[in-house]
Amino acid sequence: MPVPGAWHGLPVTPALVEWRVVDTTGRDVVPTRVVYDVREHLPAPSTFWSVYARGTHQNMTTFTHFYAYRQPGVYLFRLGDITLRAGTYRVIVTAVDIRGNRGSREQKLVVAP
């Protein structure tokens, strides 16, 4: 369903963001972790920077005294800290909307010895 009014066409975040790390055989090295989940309730505003990474800004944000009308936001999620042994892995991030529709992307990750 499209967002109405001035917010139409601007990005929205998924209801759920989760991630995991697998090795070259597909075996979980880091089991699924939930980073963000607003299916039941919204997070407190004080947790914004513990959820989002540097570079994030909201739709139509205010920069100092400048109001960025119709400027789309950028939402970068913190996945968390992990320690991995040297090797090749895949990080798989899954986003889910409030109706349960899922989409995943993966990124190759090489940890040097």
PDB file of N, CA and C in Angstrom:
ATOM      1  N   MET A   1       0.844  -1.172   0.000  1.00  0.00           N
ATOM      2  CA  MET A   1       0.000   0.000   0.000  1.00  0.00           C
ATOM      3  C   MET A   1       0.892   1.239   0.000  1.00  0.00           C
ATOM      4  N   PRO A   2       0.707   2.148  -0.949  1.00  0.00           N
ATOM      5  CA  PRO A   2       1.539   3.347  -1.000  1.00  0.00           C
ATOM      6  C   PRO A   2       1.280   4.276   0.186  1.00  0.00           C
ATOM      7  N   VAL A   3       2.313   4.973   0.574  1.00  0.00           N
ATOM      8  CA  VAL A   3       2.194   5.948   1.657  1.00  0.00           C
ATOM      9  C   VAL A   3       1.544   7.203   1.073  1.00  0.00           C
ATOM     10  N   PRO A   4       0.531   7.771   1.743  1.00  0.00           N
ATOM     11  CA  PRO A   4      -0.180   8.927   1.185  1.00  0.00           C
ATOM     12  C   PRO A   4       0.525  10.264   1.462  1.00  0.00           C
ATOM     13  N   GLY A   5       0.030  11.298   0.792  1.00  0.00           N
ATOM     14  CA  GLY A   5       0.438  12.673   1.060  1.00  0.00           C
ATOM     15  C   GLY A   5       1.889  12.973   0.709  1.00  0.00           C
ATOM     16  N   ALA A   6       2.469  13.873   1.487  1.00  0.00           N
ATOM     17  CA  ALA A   6       3.838  14.343   1.236  1.00  0.00           C
ATOM     18  C   ALA A   6       4.867  13.228   1.328  1.00  0.00           C
ATOM     19  N   TRP A   7       4.514  12.132   1.991  1.00  0.00           N
ATOM     20  CA  TRP A   7       5.450  11.022   2.174  1.00  0.00           C
ATOM     21  C   TRP A   7       5.403  10.026   1.023  1.00  0.00           C
ATOM     22  N   HIS A   8       4.488  10.224   0.057  1.00  0.00           N
ATOM     23  CA  HIS A   8       4.329   9.287  -1.059  1.00  0.00           C
ATOM     24  C   HIS A   8       5.642   9.142  -1.835  1.00  0.00           C
ATOM     25  N   GLY A   9       6.027   7.906  -2.082  1.00  0.00           N
ATOM     26  CA  GLY A   9       7.224   7.633  -2.868  1.00  0.00           C
ATOM     27  C   GLY A   9       8.521   7.636  -2.082  1.00  0.00           C
ATOM     28  N   LEU A  10       8.457   7.974  -0.809  1.00  0.00           N
ATOM     29  CA  LEU A  10       9.664   7.987   0.011  1.00  0.00           C
ATOM     30  C   LEU A  10       9.860   6.606   0.643  1.00  0.00           C
ATOM     31  N   PRO A  11      11.092   6.236   0.938  1.00  0.00           N
ATOM     32  CA  PRO A  11      11.333   4.885   1.468  1.00  0.00           C
ATOM     33  C   PRO A  11      10.783   4.688   2.876  1.00  0.00           C
ATOM     34  N   VAL A  12      10.439   3.461   3.157  1.00  0.00           N
ATOM     35  CA  VAL A  12      10.050   3.054   4.507  1.00  0.00           C
ATOM     36  C   VAL A  12      10.951   1.882   4.902  1.00  0.00           C
ATOM     37  N   THR A  13      11.117   1.691   6.183  1.00  0.00           N
ATOM     38  CA  THR A  13      11.942   0.569   6.634  1.00  0.00           C
ATOM     39  C   THR A  13      11.087  -0.688   6.704  1.00  0.00           C
ATOM     40  N   PRO A  14      11.726  -1.842   6.632  1.00  0.00           N
ATOM     41  CA  PRO A  14      10.975  -3.087   6.814  1.00  0.00           C
ATOM     42  C   PRO A  14      10.492  -3.202   8.262  1.00  0.00           C
ATOM     43  N   ALA A  15       9.565  -4.109   8.481  1.00  0.00           N
ATOM     44  CA  ALA A  15       9.086  -4.355   9.842  1.00  0.00           C
ATOM     45  C   ALA A  15      10.075  -5.216  10.632  1.00  0.00           C
ATOM     46  N   LEU A  16      10.849  -6.028   9.923  1.00  0.00           N
ATOM     47  CA  LEU A  16      11.806  -6.932  10.559  1.00  0.00           C
ATOM     48  C   LEU A  16      13.067  -7.008   9.701  1.00  0.00           C
ATOM     49  N   VAL A  17      14.220  -6.890  10.343  1.00  0.00           N
ATOM     50  CA  VAL A  17      15.505  -7.090   9.665  1.00  0.00           C
ATOM     51  C   VAL A  17      16.279  -8.116  10.484  1.00  0.00           C
ATOM     52  N   GLU A  18      16.715  -9.177   9.815  1.00  0.00           N
ATOM     53  CA  GLU A  18      17.502 -10.208  10.481  1.00  0.00           C
ATOM     54  C   GLU A  18      18.677 -10.587   9.585  1.00  0.00           C
ATOM     55  N   TRP A  19      19.700 -11.189  10.189  1.00  0.00           N
ATOM     56  CA  TRP A  19      20.885 -11.561   9.419  1.00  0.00           C
ATOM     57  C   TRP A  19      21.527 -12.793   9.990  1.00  0.00           C
ATOM     58  N   ARG A  20      22.353 -13.421   9.178  1.00  0.00           N
ATOM     59  CA  ARG A  20      23.122 -14.576   9.610  1.00  0.00           C
ATOM     60  C   ARG A  20      24.374 -14.660   8.747  1.00  0.00           C
ATOM     61  N   VAL A  21      25.335 -15.452   9.202  1.00  0.00           N
ATOM     62  CA  VAL A  21      26.569 -15.679   8.455  1.00  0.00           C
ATOM     63  C   VAL A  21      26.701 -17.171   8.225  1.00  0.00           C
ATOM     64  N   VAL A  22      26.992 -17.546   6.978  1.00  0.00           N
ATOM     65  CA  VAL A  22      27.199 -18.949   6.640  1.00  0.00           C
ATOM     66  C   VAL A  22      28.583 -19.128   6.031  1.00  0.00           C
ATOM     67  N   ASP A  23      29.104 -20.349   6.130  1.00  0.00           N
ATOM     68  CA  ASP A  23      30.401 -20.640   5.515  1.00  0.00           C
ATOM     69  C   ASP A  23      30.188 -21.077   4.068  1.00  0.00           C
ATOM     70  N   THR A  24      31.251 -21.501   3.406  1.00  0.00           N
ATOM     71  CA  THR A  24      31.163 -21.861   1.982  1.00  0.00           C
ATOM     72  C   THR A  24      30.301 -23.094   1.727  1.00  0.00           C
ATOM     73  N   THR A  25      30.033 -23.881   2.747  1.00  0.00           N
ATOM     74  CA  THR A  25      29.163 -25.055   2.581  1.00  0.00           C
ATOM     75  C   THR A  25      27.701 -24.730   2.877  1.00  0.00           C
ATOM     76  N   GLY A  26      27.439 -23.494   3.333  1.00  0.00           N
ATOM     77  CA  GLY A  26      26.073 -23.102   3.677  1.00  0.00           C
ATOM     78  C   GLY A  26      25.712 -23.328   5.126  1.00  0.00           C
ATOM     79  N   ARG A  27      26.680 -23.823   5.920  1.00  0.00           N
ATOM     80  CA  ARG A  27      26.440 -24.070   7.351  1.00  0.00           C
ATOM     81  C   ARG A  27      26.470 -22.752   8.111  1.00  0.00           C
ATOM     82  N   ASP A  28      25.516 -22.582   9.029  1.00  0.00           N
ATOM     83  CA  ASP A  28      25.478 -21.364   9.844  1.00  0.00           C
ATOM     84  C   ASP A  28      26.726 -21.247  10.708  1.00  0.00           C
ATOM     85  N   VAL A  29      27.389 -20.121  10.614  1.00  0.00           N
ATOM     86  CA  VAL A  29      28.515 -19.792  11.484  1.00  0.00           C
ATOM     87  C   VAL A  29      28.008 -18.856  12.577  1.00  0.00           C
ATOM     88  N   VAL A  30      27.153 -17.922  12.184  1.00  0.00           N
ATOM     89  CA  VAL A  30      26.429 -17.060  13.123  1.00  0.00           C
ATOM     90  C   VAL A  30      24.959 -17.291  12.817  1.00  0.00           C
ATOM     91  N   PRO A  31      24.220 -17.890  13.760  1.00  0.00           N
ATOM     92  CA  PRO A  31      22.800 -18.149  13.504  1.00  0.00           C
ATOM     93  C   PRO A  31      22.019 -16.840  13.354  1.00  0.00           C
ATOM     94  N   THR A  32      20.818 -16.939  12.857  1.00  0.00           N
ATOM     95  CA  THR A  32      19.992 -15.765  12.600  1.00  0.00           C
ATOM     96  C   THR A  32      19.870 -14.876  13.838  1.00  0.00           C
ATOM     97  N   ARG A  33      20.129 -13.586  13.612  1.00  0.00           N
ATOM     98  CA  ARG A  33      19.989 -12.570  14.661  1.00  0.00           C
ATOM     99  C   ARG A  33      19.025 -11.499  14.170  1.00  0.00           C
ATOM    100  N   VAL A  34      18.152 -11.067  15.043  1.00  0.00           N
ATOM    101  CA  VAL A  34      17.198 -10.005  14.710  1.00  0.00           C
ATOM    102  C   VAL A  34      17.825  -8.674  15.098  1.00  0.00           C
ATOM    103  N   VAL A  35      17.855  -7.754  14.141  1.00  0.00           N
ATOM    104  CA  VAL A  35      18.428  -6.428  14.357  1.00  0.00           C
ATOM    105  C   VAL A  35      17.333  -5.411  14.659  1.00  0.00           C
ATOM    106  N   TYR A  36      16.198  -5.589  14.013  1.00  0.00           N
ATOM    107  CA  TYR A  36      15.135  -4.588  14.067  1.00  0.00           C
ATOM    108  C   TYR A  36      13.813  -5.316  13.943  1.00  0.00           C
ATOM    109  N   ASP A  37      12.871  -5.017  14.830  1.00  0.00           N
ATOM    110  CA  ASP A  37      11.570  -5.675  14.788  1.00  0.00           C
ATOM    111  C   ASP A  37      10.510  -4.723  15.326  1.00  0.00           C
ATOM    112  N   VAL A  38       9.684  -4.194  14.422  1.00  0.00           N
ATOM    113  CA  VAL A  38       8.614  -3.284  14.828  1.00  0.00           C
ATOM    114  C   VAL A  38       7.241  -3.877  14.497  1.00  0.00           C
ATOM    115  N   ARG A  39       7.171  -5.198  14.463  1.00  0.00           N
ATOM    116  CA  ARG A  39       5.891  -5.841  14.168  1.00  0.00           C
ATOM    117  C   ARG A  39       4.904  -5.689  15.315  1.00  0.00           C
ATOM    118  N   GLU A  40       5.389  -5.544  16.533  1.00  0.00           N
ATOM    119  CA  GLU A  40       4.507  -5.427  17.700  1.00  0.00           C
ATOM    120  C   GLU A  40       4.480  -4.016  18.292  1.00  0.00           C
ATOM    121  N   HIS A  41       5.612  -3.318  18.259  1.00  0.00           N
ATOM    122  CA  HIS A  41       5.678  -1.967  18.817  1.00  0.00           C
ATOM    123  C   HIS A  41       6.868  -1.216  18.226  1.00  0.00           C
ATOM    124  N   LEU A  42       6.803   0.105  18.282  1.00  0.00           N
ATOM    125  CA  LEU A  42       7.890   0.946  17.778  1.00  0.00           C
ATOM    126  C   LEU A  42       8.970   1.089  18.847  1.00  0.00           C
ATOM    127  N   PRO A  43      10.227   1.196  18.430  1.00  0.00           N
ATOM    128  CA  PRO A  43      11.297   1.387  19.420  1.00  0.00           C
ATOM    129  C   PRO A  43      11.271   2.798  19.990  1.00  0.00           C
ATOM    130  N   ALA A  44      11.828   2.954  21.152  1.00  0.00           N
ATOM    131  CA  ALA A  44      11.929   4.277  21.775  1.00  0.00           C
ATOM    132  C   ALA A  44      12.858   5.153  20.948  1.00  0.00           C
ATOM    133  N   PRO A  45      12.552   6.448  20.808  1.00  0.00           N
ATOM    134  CA  PRO A  45      13.428   7.344  20.050  1.00  0.00           C
ATOM    135  C   PRO A  45      14.878   7.343  20.561  1.00  0.00           C
ATOM    136  N   SER A  46      15.072   7.084  21.835  1.00  0.00           N
ATOM    137  CA  SER A  46      16.424   7.083  22.404  1.00  0.00           C
ATOM    138  C   SER A  46      17.285   5.938  21.871  1.00  0.00           C
ATOM    139  N   THR A  47      16.677   4.945  21.226  1.00  0.00           N
ATOM    140  CA  THR A  47      17.441   3.804  20.695  1.00  0.00           C
ATOM    141  C   THR A  47      17.838   3.985  19.231  1.00  0.00           C
ATOM    142  N   PHE A  48      17.531   5.144  18.644  1.00  0.00           N
ATOM    143  CA  PHE A  48      17.766   5.366  17.212  1.00  0.00           C
ATOM    144  C   PHE A  48      19.182   4.990  16.793  1.00  0.00           C
ATOM    145  N   TRP A  49      20.200   5.512  17.480  1.00  0.00           N
ATOM    146  CA  TRP A  49      21.586   5.259  17.047  1.00  0.00           C
ATOM    147  C   TRP A  49      22.103   3.890  17.460  1.00  0.00           C
ATOM    148  N   SER A  50      21.372   3.150  18.269  1.00  0.00           N
ATOM    149  CA  SER A  50      21.774   1.768  18.523  1.00  0.00           C
ATOM    150  C   SER A  50      21.197   0.832  17.459  1.00  0.00           C
ATOM    151  N   VAL A  51      20.209   1.306  16.698  1.00  0.00           N
ATOM    152  CA  VAL A  51      19.615   0.532  15.613  1.00  0.00           C
ATOM    153  C   VAL A  51      20.242   0.911  14.265  1.00  0.00           C
ATOM    154  N   TYR A  52      20.379   2.222  14.037  1.00  0.00           N
ATOM    155  CA  TYR A  52      20.855   2.714  12.741  1.00  0.00           C
ATOM    156  C   TYR A  52      22.330   3.098  12.801  1.00  0.00           C
ATOM    157  N   ALA A  53      23.012   2.917  11.661  1.00  0.00           N
ATOM    158  CA  ALA A  53      24.444   3.215  11.555  1.00  0.00           C
ATOM    159  C   ALA A  53      24.666   4.644  11.054  1.00  0.00           C
ATOM    160  N   ARG A  54      25.887   5.105  11.243  1.00  0.00           N
ATOM    161  CA  ARG A  54      26.285   6.419  10.742  1.00  0.00           C
ATOM    162  C   ARG A  54      25.993   6.489   9.247  1.00  0.00           C
ATOM    163  N   GLY A  55      25.474   7.626   8.801  1.00  0.00           N
ATOM    164  CA  GLY A  55      25.086   7.794   7.403  1.00  0.00           C
ATOM    165  C   GLY A  55      23.581   7.724   7.221  1.00  0.00           C
ATOM    166  N   THR A  56      22.875   7.283   8.264  1.00  0.00           N
ATOM    167  CA  THR A  56      21.421   7.218   8.218  1.00  0.00           C
ATOM    168  C   THR A  56      20.845   8.619   8.381  1.00  0.00           C
ATOM    169  N   HIS A  57      19.828   8.915   7.600  1.00  0.00           N
ATOM    170  CA  HIS A  57      19.013  10.115   7.847  1.00  0.00           C
ATOM    171  C   HIS A  57      17.599   9.819   7.396  1.00  0.00           C
ATOM    172  N   GLN A  58      16.645  10.405   8.095  1.00  0.00           N
ATOM    173  CA  GLN A  58      15.242  10.136   7.862  1.00  0.00           C
ATOM    174  C   GLN A  58      14.715  10.894   6.647  1.00  0.00           C
ATOM    175  N   ASN A  59      13.560  10.465   6.134  1.00  0.00           N
ATOM    176  CA  ASN A  59      12.913  11.190   5.044  1.00  0.00           C
ATOM    177  C   ASN A  59      12.676  12.638   5.450  1.00  0.00           C
ATOM    178  N   MET A  60      12.879  13.537   4.504  1.00  0.00           N
ATOM    179  CA  MET A  60      12.624  14.970   4.711  1.00  0.00           C
ATOM    180  C   MET A  60      13.212  15.462   6.027  1.00  0.00           C
ATOM    181  N   THR A  61      14.448  15.134   6.259  1.00  0.00           N
ATOM    182  CA  THR A  61      15.091  15.483   7.521  1.00  0.00           C
ATOM    183  C   THR A  61      15.507  16.950   7.561  1.00  0.00           C
ATOM    184  N   THR A  62      15.902  17.389   8.717  1.00  0.00           N
ATOM    185  CA  THR A  62      16.414  18.741   8.895  1.00  0.00           C
ATOM    186  C   THR A  62      17.902  18.658   9.154  1.00  0.00           C
ATOM    187  N   PHE A  63      18.690  19.347   8.326  1.00  0.00           N
ATOM    188  CA  PHE A  63      20.133  19.442   8.524  1.00  0.00           C
ATOM    189  C   PHE A  63      20.413  20.860   8.991  1.00  0.00           C
ATOM    190  N   THR A  64      20.792  21.012  10.243  1.00  0.00           N
ATOM    191  CA  THR A  64      21.017  22.328  10.865  1.00  0.00           C
ATOM    192  C   THR A  64      19.762  23.165  10.683  1.00  0.00           C
ATOM    193  N   HIS A  65      19.785  24.173   9.788  1.00  0.00           N
ATOM    194  CA  HIS A  65      18.600  25.024   9.579  1.00  0.00           C
ATOM    195  C   HIS A  65      17.972  24.782   8.214  1.00  0.00           C
ATOM    196  N   PHE A  66      18.394  23.718   7.536  1.00  0.00           N
ATOM    197  CA  PHE A  66      17.891  23.405   6.200  1.00  0.00           C
ATOM    198  C   PHE A  66      16.914  22.240   6.289  1.00  0.00           C
ATOM    199  N   TYR A  67      15.729  22.420   5.746  1.00  0.00           N
ATOM    200  CA  TYR A  67      14.713  21.369   5.711  1.00  0.00           C
ATOM    201  C   TYR A  67      14.745  20.725   4.330  1.00  0.00           C
ATOM    202  N   ALA A  68      15.033  19.458   4.273  1.00  0.00           N
ATOM    203  CA  ALA A  68      15.188  18.734   3.013  1.00  0.00           C
ATOM    204  C   ALA A  68      13.844  18.185   2.542  1.00  0.00           C
ATOM    205  N   TYR A  69      12.963  19.056   2.074  1.00  0.00           N
ATOM    206  CA  TYR A  69      11.630  18.659   1.638  1.00  0.00           C
ATOM    207  C   TYR A  69      11.720  17.682   0.473  1.00  0.00           C
ATOM    208  N   ARG A  70      10.974  16.580   0.558  1.00  0.00           N
ATOM    209  CA  ARG A  70      10.895  15.517  -0.447  1.00  0.00           C
ATOM    210  C   ARG A  70      12.203  14.753  -0.634  1.00  0.00           C
ATOM    211  N   GLN A  71      13.190  14.997   0.196  1.00  0.00           N
ATOM    212  CA  GLN A  71      14.466  14.278   0.111  1.00  0.00           C
ATOM    213  C   GLN A  71      14.287  12.903   0.752  1.00  0.00           C
ATOM    214  N   PRO A  72      14.528  11.819  -0.010  1.00  0.00           N
ATOM    215  CA  PRO A  72      14.362  10.486   0.578  1.00  0.00           C
ATOM    216  C   PRO A  72      15.410  10.201   1.646  1.00  0.00           C
ATOM    217  N   GLY A  73      15.012   9.455   2.622  1.00  0.00           N
ATOM    218  CA  GLY A  73      15.927   9.062   3.688  1.00  0.00           C
ATOM    219  C   GLY A  73      16.832   7.919   3.260  1.00  0.00           C
ATOM    220  N   VAL A  74      17.835   7.701   4.071  1.00  0.00           N
ATOM    221  CA  VAL A  74      18.757   6.579   3.899  1.00  0.00           C
ATOM    222  C   VAL A  74      18.777   5.858   5.237  1.00  0.00           C
ATOM    223  N   TYR A  75      18.477   4.578   5.230  1.00  0.00           N
ATOM    224  CA  TYR A  75      18.379   3.804   6.463  1.00  0.00           C
ATOM    225  C   TYR A  75      19.407   2.676   6.444  1.00  0.00           C
ATOM    226  N   LEU A  76      20.422   2.819   7.263  1.00  0.00           N
ATOM    227  CA  LEU A  76      21.506   1.845   7.358  1.00  0.00           C
ATOM    228  C   LEU A  76      21.429   1.185   8.731  1.00  0.00           C
ATOM    229  N   PHE A  77      21.222  -0.106   8.755  1.00  0.00           N
ATOM    230  CA  PHE A  77      21.053  -0.821  10.020  1.00  0.00           C
ATOM    231  C   PHE A  77      22.382  -1.346  10.543  1.00  0.00           C
ATOM    232  N   ARG A  78      22.561  -1.260  11.851  1.00  0.00           N
ATOM    233  CA  ARG A  78      23.710  -1.883  12.510  1.00  0.00           C
ATOM    234  C   ARG A  78      23.418  -3.377  12.629  1.00  0.00           C
ATOM    235  N   LEU A  79      24.337  -4.194  12.188  1.00  0.00           N
ATOM    236  CA  LEU A  79      24.122  -5.633  12.312  1.00  0.00           C
ATOM    237  C   LEU A  79      24.689  -6.176  13.605  1.00  0.00           C
ATOM    238  N   GLY A  80      25.676  -5.523  14.161  1.00  0.00           N
ATOM    239  CA  GLY A  80      26.278  -5.993  15.402  1.00  0.00           C
ATOM    240  C   GLY A  80      27.711  -6.421  15.179  1.00  0.00           C
ATOM    241  N   ASP A  81      28.375  -6.719  16.249  1.00  0.00           N
ATOM    242  CA  ASP A  81      29.782  -7.105  16.203  1.00  0.00           C
ATOM    243  C   ASP A  81      29.917  -8.611  16.359  1.00  0.00           C
ATOM    244  N   ILE A  82      30.783  -9.184  15.541  1.00  0.00           N
ATOM    245  CA  ILE A  82      31.094 -10.610  15.641  1.00  0.00           C
ATOM    246  C   ILE A  82      32.578 -10.802  15.388  1.00  0.00           C
ATOM    247  N   THR A  83      33.096 -11.917  15.806  1.00  0.00           N
ATOM    248  CA  THR A  83      34.473 -12.291  15.514  1.00  0.00           C
ATOM    249  C   THR A  83      34.445 -13.573  14.700  1.00  0.00           C
ATOM    250  N   LEU A  84      35.132 -13.546  13.571  1.00  0.00           N
ATOM    251  CA  LEU A  84      35.181 -14.711  12.694  1.00  0.00           C
ATOM    252  C   LEU A  84      36.627 -15.120  12.466  1.00  0.00           C
ATOM    253  N   ARG A  85      36.848 -16.408  12.306  1.00  0.00           N
ATOM    254  CA  ARG A  85      38.167 -16.914  11.926  1.00  0.00           C
ATOM    255  C   ARG A  85      38.436 -16.549  10.471  1.00  0.00           C
ATOM    256  N   ALA A  86      39.695 -16.612  10.072  1.00  0.00           N
ATOM    257  CA  ALA A  86      40.045 -16.369   8.673  1.00  0.00           C
ATOM    258  C   ALA A  86      39.278 -17.340   7.784  1.00  0.00           C
ATOM    259  N   GLY A  87      38.775 -16.840   6.681  1.00  0.00           N
ATOM    260  CA  GLY A  87      38.025 -17.684   5.757  1.00  0.00           C
ATOM    261  C   GLY A  87      37.070 -16.873   4.916  1.00  0.00           C
ATOM    262  N   THR A  88      36.280 -17.572   4.131  1.00  0.00           N
ATOM    263  CA  THR A  88      35.296 -16.948   3.253  1.00  0.00           C
ATOM    264  C   THR A  88      33.896 -17.280   3.762  1.00  0.00           C
ATOM    265  N   TYR A  89      33.063 -16.266   3.828  1.00  0.00           N
ATOM    266  CA  TYR A  89      31.712 -16.400   4.372  1.00  0.00           C
ATOM    267  C   TYR A  89      30.729 -15.657   3.477  1.00  0.00           C
ATOM    268  N   ARG A  90      29.447 -15.855   3.766  1.00  0.00           N
ATOM    269  CA  ARG A  90      28.388 -15.056   3.169  1.00  0.00           C
ATOM    270  C   ARG A  90      27.538 -14.489   4.303  1.00  0.00           C
ATOM    271  N   VAL A  91      27.301 -13.187   4.245  1.00  0.00           N
ATOM    272  CA  VAL A  91      26.386 -12.530   5.177  1.00  0.00           C
ATOM    273  C   VAL A  91      25.055 -12.428   4.447  1.00  0.00           C
ATOM    274  N   ILE A  92      24.016 -12.970   5.048  1.00  0.00           N
ATOM    275  CA  ILE A  92      22.686 -12.975   4.430  1.00  0.00           C
ATOM    276  C   ILE A  92      21.769 -12.115   5.303  1.00  0.00           C
ATOM    277  N   VAL A  93      21.229 -11.057   4.703  1.00  0.00           N
ATOM    278  CA  VAL A  93      20.322 -10.147   5.406  1.00  0.00           C
ATOM    279  C   VAL A  93      18.932 -10.325   4.807  1.00  0.00           C
ATOM    280  N   THR A  94      17.941 -10.464   5.679  1.00  0.00           N
ATOM    281  CA  THR A  94      16.557 -10.653   5.250  1.00  0.00           C
ATOM    282  C   THR A  94      15.696  -9.541   5.826  1.00  0.00           C
ATOM    283  N   ALA A  95      14.856  -8.958   4.966  1.00  0.00           N
ATOM    284  CA  ALA A  95      13.901  -7.928   5.380  1.00  0.00           C
ATOM    285  C   ALA A  95      12.496  -8.488   5.182  1.00  0.00           C
ATOM    286  N   VAL A  96      11.620  -8.187   6.137  1.00  0.00           N
ATOM    287  CA  VAL A  96      10.250  -8.703   6.109  1.00  0.00           C
ATOM    288  C   VAL A  96       9.299  -7.537   6.342  1.00  0.00           C
ATOM    289  N   ASP A  97       8.217  -7.467   5.545  1.00  0.00           N
ATOM    290  CA  ASP A  97       7.234  -6.410   5.776  1.00  0.00           C
ATOM    291  C   ASP A  97       6.145  -6.908   6.735  1.00  0.00           C
ATOM    292  N   ILE A  98       5.174  -6.046   7.036  1.00  0.00           N
ATOM    293  CA  ILE A  98       4.156  -6.405   8.031  1.00  0.00           C
ATOM    294  C   ILE A  98       3.206  -7.506   7.548  1.00  0.00           C
ATOM    295  N   ARG A  99       3.231  -7.805   6.262  1.00  0.00           N
ATOM    296  CA  ARG A  99       2.389  -8.879   5.736  1.00  0.00           C
ATOM    297  C   ARG A  99       3.143 -10.183   5.565  1.00  0.00           C
ATOM    298  N   GLY A 100       4.412 -10.190   5.983  1.00  0.00           N
ATOM    299  CA  GLY A 100       5.191 -11.418   5.912  1.00  0.00           C
ATOM    300  C   GLY A 100       5.961 -11.621   4.623  1.00  0.00           C
ATOM    301  N   ASN A 101       5.887 -10.655   3.702  1.00  0.00           N
ATOM    302  CA  ASN A 101       6.680 -10.747   2.473  1.00  0.00           C
ATOM    303  C   ASN A 101       8.147 -10.600   2.828  1.00  0.00           C
ATOM    304  N   ARG A 102       8.989 -11.482   2.256  1.00  0.00           N
ATOM    305  CA  ARG A 102      10.406 -11.528   2.615  1.00  0.00           C
ATOM    306  C   ARG A 102      11.272 -11.277   1.391  1.00  0.00           C
ATOM    307  N   GLY A 103      12.406 -10.650   1.644  1.00  0.00           N
ATOM    308  CA  GLY A 103      13.415 -10.493   0.604  1.00  0.00           C
ATOM    309  C   GLY A 103      14.775 -10.595   1.257  1.00  0.00           C
ATOM    310  N   SER A 104      15.716 -11.288   0.587  1.00  0.00           N
ATOM    311  CA  SER A 104      17.051 -11.471   1.155  1.00  0.00           C
ATOM    312  C   SER A 104      18.105 -11.044   0.150  1.00  0.00           C
ATOM    313  N   ARG A 105      19.222 -10.579   0.676  1.00  0.00           N
ATOM    314  CA  ARG A 105      20.398 -10.277  -0.117  1.00  0.00           C
ATOM    315  C   ARG A 105      21.583 -10.851   0.628  1.00  0.00           C
ATOM    316  N   GLU A 106      22.596 -11.205  -0.133  1.00  0.00           N
ATOM    317  CA  GLU A 106      23.785 -11.717   0.515  1.00  0.00           C
ATOM    318  C   GLU A 106      25.023 -11.034  -0.030  1.00  0.00           C
ATOM    319  N   GLN A 107      26.061 -11.002   0.800  1.00  0.00           N
ATOM    320  CA  GLN A 107      27.325 -10.372   0.445  1.00  0.00           C
ATOM    321  C   GLN A 107      28.463 -11.293   0.861  1.00  0.00           C
ATOM    322  N   LYS A 108      29.364 -11.526  -0.041  1.00  0.00           N
ATOM    323  CA  LYS A 108      30.555 -12.326   0.267  1.00  0.00           C
ATOM    324  C   LYS A 108      31.433 -11.531   1.219  1.00  0.00           C
ATOM    325  N   LEU A 109      31.994 -12.230   2.199  1.00  0.00           N
ATOM    326  CA  LEU A 109      32.857 -11.627   3.202  1.00  0.00           C
ATOM    327  C   LEU A 109      34.107 -12.484   3.327  1.00  0.00           C
ATOM    328  N   VAL A 110      35.269 -11.882   3.113  1.00  0.00           N
ATOM    329  CA  VAL A 110      36.531 -12.604   3.239  1.00  0.00           C
ATOM    330  C   VAL A 110      37.275 -12.041   4.436  1.00  0.00           C
ATOM    331  N   VAL A 111      37.606 -12.915   5.388  1.00  0.00           N
ATOM    332  CA  VAL A 111      38.355 -12.525   6.575  1.00  0.00           C
ATOM    333  C   VAL A 111      39.790 -13.011   6.348  1.00  0.00           C
ATOM    334  N   ALA A 112      40.721 -12.062   6.284  1.00  0.00           N
ATOM    335  CA  ALA A 112      42.131 -12.407   6.026  1.00  0.00           C
ATOM    336  C   ALA A 112      42.787 -12.960   7.289  1.00  0.00           C
ATOM    337  N   PRO A 113      43.760 -13.857   7.089  1.00  0.00           N
ATOM    338  CA  PRO A 113      44.462 -14.429   8.247  1.00  0.00           C
ATOM    339  C   PRO A 113      45.359 -13.396   8.923  1.00  0.00           C
TER     340      PRO A 113
END
